[in-house]
Amino acid sequence: MMQEAKFSLYNGYLMGLPTNENHFVFRWIGPGKVLFSVTQIGKAASCHFASDKKGLRHLKKACDDFVKFCFFLFPWCRMCIAHVGPKSIGRLIMKIGFLPLGESDRGNVYVRLP
């Protein structure tokens, strides 16, 4: 049985989502508007997100779905990396399996393996 799609390619208002010509942008098919940008860095997927207020209540599920989607969609993906500023987002992504990798001047870096 084929699994239902949880993401669609997105082209529209980005809500401040970090992106450039090297990023794909996807919208989570779920409550609210949750966007993800992803680009390849070696064998890692570097990911960012943006959300409206309604989507924030579903962010844990949306982020977990997106990481699984990256591992499925990109055969080169051996890890997902997230560069996070707010500590609350760091705590949230640690609940879905991300581990602290290091610090930078802009926040903390987390990694999740398949």
C-alpha atoms as a PDB file:
ATOM      1  CA  MET A   1       0.000   0.000   0.000  1.00  0.00           C
ATOM      2  CA  MET A   2       1.355   3.420  -0.985  1.00  0.00           C
ATOM      3  CA  GLN A   3       1.818   5.944   1.844  1.00  0.00           C
ATOM      4  CA  GLU A   4      -0.094   9.226   1.644  1.00  0.00           C
ATOM      5  CA  ALA A   5       2.037  12.252   0.671  1.00  0.00           C
ATOM      6  CA  LYS A   6       2.781  14.581   3.579  1.00  0.00           C
ATOM      7  CA  PHE A   7       4.633  17.280   1.628  1.00  0.00           C
ATOM      8  CA  SER A   8       4.286  19.224  -1.582  1.00  0.00           C
ATOM      9  CA  LEU A   9       6.781  21.433  -3.381  1.00  0.00           C
ATOM     10  CA  TYR A  10       6.041  25.033  -2.499  1.00  0.00           C
ATOM     11  CA  ASN A  11       6.412  28.305  -4.359  1.00  0.00           C
ATOM     12  CA  GLY A  12       4.910  31.311  -2.615  1.00  0.00           C
ATOM     13  CA  TYR A  13       5.286  33.547   0.421  1.00  0.00           C
ATOM     14  CA  LEU A  14       8.148  32.087   2.504  1.00  0.00           C
ATOM     15  CA  MET A  15       7.404  33.694   5.904  1.00  0.00           C
ATOM     16  CA  GLY A  16      11.111  34.501   6.369  1.00  0.00           C
ATOM     17  CA  LEU A  17      12.263  30.949   5.622  1.00  0.00           C
ATOM     18  CA  PRO A  18      16.028  30.868   4.906  1.00  0.00           C
ATOM     19  CA  THR A  19      16.495  29.793   1.308  1.00  0.00           C
ATOM     20  CA  ASN A  20      18.385  30.486  -1.908  1.00  0.00           C
ATOM     21  CA  GLU A  21      18.621  28.975  -5.403  1.00  0.00           C
ATOM     22  CA  ASN A  22      20.175  25.801  -3.911  1.00  0.00           C
ATOM     23  CA  HIS A  23      17.182  24.995  -1.683  1.00  0.00           C
ATOM     24  CA  PHE A  24      14.031  23.017  -2.283  1.00  0.00           C
ATOM     25  CA  VAL A  25      11.016  24.352  -0.374  1.00  0.00           C
ATOM     26  CA  PHE A  26       8.230  22.035   0.779  1.00  0.00           C
ATOM     27  CA  ARG A  27       4.938  22.630   2.547  1.00  0.00           C
ATOM     28  CA  TRP A  28       3.744  20.145   5.150  1.00  0.00           C
ATOM     29  CA  ILE A  29       0.250  18.796   4.400  1.00  0.00           C
ATOM     30  CA  GLY A  30      -1.187  19.279   7.867  1.00  0.00           C
ATOM     31  CA  PRO A  31      -2.821  21.882  10.095  1.00  0.00           C
ATOM     32  CA  GLY A  32      -1.558  25.415   9.640  1.00  0.00           C
ATOM     33  CA  LYS A  33       1.179  26.490   7.265  1.00  0.00           C
ATOM     34  CA  VAL A  34       4.551  24.868   7.962  1.00  0.00           C
ATOM     35  CA  LEU A  35       7.314  25.289   5.382  1.00  0.00           C
ATOM     36  CA  PHE A  36      10.679  23.551   5.170  1.00  0.00           C
ATOM     37  CA  SER A  37      13.723  24.425   3.112  1.00  0.00           C
ATOM     38  CA  VAL A  38      16.432  21.859   2.479  1.00  0.00           C
ATOM     39  CA  THR A  39      19.764  21.862   0.704  1.00  0.00           C
ATOM     40  CA  GLN A  40      22.516  19.298   0.348  1.00  0.00           C
ATOM     41  CA  ILE A  41      25.817  19.762   2.168  1.00  0.00           C
ATOM     42  CA  GLY A  42      27.914  16.697   1.392  1.00  0.00           C
ATOM     43  CA  LYS A  43      25.803  13.749   2.514  1.00  0.00           C
ATOM     44  CA  ALA A  44      23.746  15.865   4.899  1.00  0.00           C
ATOM     45  CA  ALA A  45      20.441  17.653   4.447  1.00  0.00           C
ATOM     46  CA  SER A  46      20.590  21.130   5.977  1.00  0.00           C
ATOM     47  CA  CYS A  47      17.040  22.022   6.996  1.00  0.00           C
ATOM     48  CA  HIS A  48      15.133  25.120   8.122  1.00  0.00           C
ATOM     49  CA  PHE A  49      11.469  25.740   8.833  1.00  0.00           C
ATOM     50  CA  ALA A  50       8.953  28.539   9.172  1.00  0.00           C
ATOM     51  CA  SER A  51       5.427  28.306  10.532  1.00  0.00           C
ATOM     52  CA  ASP A  52       2.303  30.308  11.054  1.00  0.00           C
ATOM     53  CA  LYS A  53       0.688  30.408  14.502  1.00  0.00           C
ATOM     54  CA  LYS A  54      -1.630  27.454  13.853  1.00  0.00           C
ATOM     55  CA  GLY A  55       1.238  25.318  12.532  1.00  0.00           C
ATOM     56  CA  LEU A  56       3.354  25.958  15.647  1.00  0.00           C
ATOM     57  CA  ARG A  57       1.023  23.695  17.639  1.00  0.00           C
ATOM     58  CA  HIS A  58       1.894  20.832  15.250  1.00  0.00           C
ATOM     59  CA  LEU A  59       5.587  21.573  14.793  1.00  0.00           C
ATOM     60  CA  LYS A  60       6.902  18.444  16.516  1.00  0.00           C
ATOM     61  CA  LYS A  61       4.932  16.186  14.151  1.00  0.00           C
ATOM     62  CA  ALA A  62       5.753  18.306  11.092  1.00  0.00           C
ATOM     63  CA  CYS A  63       9.519  18.298  11.842  1.00  0.00           C
ATOM     64  CA  ASP A  64       9.573  14.559  12.494  1.00  0.00           C
ATOM     65  CA  ASP A  65       7.661  13.921   9.268  1.00  0.00           C
ATOM     66  CA  PHE A  66      10.056  16.148   7.326  1.00  0.00           C
ATOM     67  CA  VAL A  67      13.200  14.398   8.544  1.00  0.00           C
ATOM     68  CA  LYS A  68      11.739  11.013   7.607  1.00  0.00           C
ATOM     69  CA  PHE A  69      10.746  12.495   4.236  1.00  0.00           C
ATOM     70  CA  CYS A  70      14.349  13.662   3.621  1.00  0.00           C
ATOM     71  CA  PHE A  71      15.755  10.212   4.365  1.00  0.00           C
ATOM     72  CA  PHE A  72      13.188   8.701   1.974  1.00  0.00           C
ATOM     73  CA  LEU A  73      13.419  11.283  -0.822  1.00  0.00           C
ATOM     74  CA  PHE A  74      17.169  11.876  -1.040  1.00  0.00           C
ATOM     75  CA  PRO A  75      19.283   8.717  -1.479  1.00  0.00           C
ATOM     76  CA  TRP A  76      22.428  10.683  -0.604  1.00  0.00           C
ATOM     77  CA  CYS A  77      21.031  11.808   2.788  1.00  0.00           C
ATOM     78  CA  ARG A  78      22.907  10.228   5.693  1.00  0.00           C
ATOM     79  CA  MET A  79      21.938  12.849   8.287  1.00  0.00           C
ATOM     80  CA  CYS A  80      19.785  15.925   8.786  1.00  0.00           C
ATOM     81  CA  ILE A  81      21.345  19.032  10.268  1.00  0.00           C
ATOM     82  CA  ALA A  82      19.447  21.890  11.902  1.00  0.00           C
ATOM     83  CA  HIS A  83      20.978  25.209  12.926  1.00  0.00           C
ATOM     84  CA  VAL A  84      18.783  26.510  15.730  1.00  0.00           C
ATOM     85  CA  GLY A  85      18.687  29.827  17.569  1.00  0.00           C
ATOM     86  CA  PRO A  86      15.876  29.552  20.144  1.00  0.00           C
ATOM     87  CA  LYS A  87      16.473  27.069  22.963  1.00  0.00           C
ATOM     88  CA  SER A  88      12.788  26.064  22.832  1.00  0.00           C
ATOM     89  CA  ILE A  89      13.235  24.800  19.259  1.00  0.00           C
ATOM     90  CA  GLY A  90      16.381  22.944  20.337  1.00  0.00           C
ATOM     91  CA  ARG A  91      14.390  21.172  23.054  1.00  0.00           C
ATOM     92  CA  LEU A  92      11.614  20.362  20.577  1.00  0.00           C
ATOM     93  CA  ILE A  93      13.870  18.771  17.965  1.00  0.00           C
ATOM     94  CA  MET A  94      15.763  16.816  20.624  1.00  0.00           C
ATOM     95  CA  LYS A  95      12.415  15.173  21.472  1.00  0.00           C
ATOM     96  CA  ILE A  96      12.285  13.782  17.918  1.00  0.00           C
ATOM     97  CA  GLY A  97      15.803  12.350  17.926  1.00  0.00           C
ATOM     98  CA  PHE A  98      18.166  15.226  17.125  1.00  0.00           C
ATOM     99  CA  LEU A  99      21.414  15.348  19.090  1.00  0.00           C
ATOM    100  CA  PRO A 100      23.512  18.435  19.856  1.00  0.00           C
ATOM    101  CA  LEU A 101      26.496  18.656  17.504  1.00  0.00           C
ATOM    102  CA  GLY A 102      28.063  22.006  18.326  1.00  0.00           C
ATOM    103  CA  GLU A 103      27.643  25.725  18.837  1.00  0.00           C
ATOM    104  CA  SER A 104      28.045  28.731  16.590  1.00  0.00           C
ATOM    105  CA  ASP A 105      27.690  32.463  16.997  1.00  0.00           C
ATOM    106  CA  ARG A 106      24.048  32.191  15.834  1.00  0.00           C
ATOM    107  CA  GLY A 107      22.916  29.275  18.009  1.00  0.00           C
ATOM    108  CA  ASN A 108      23.316  25.531  18.265  1.00  0.00           C
ATOM    109  CA  VAL A 109      23.733  22.869  15.604  1.00  0.00           C
ATOM    110  CA  TYR A 110      21.841  19.574  15.905  1.00  0.00           C
ATOM    111  CA  VAL A 111      22.043  16.364  13.891  1.00  0.00           C
ATOM    112  CA  ARG A 112      19.700  13.408  13.383  1.00  0.00           C
ATOM    113  CA  LEU A 113      20.732  10.135  11.823  1.00  0.00           C
ATOM    114  CA  PRO A 114      18.369   7.654  10.125  1.00  0.00           C
END
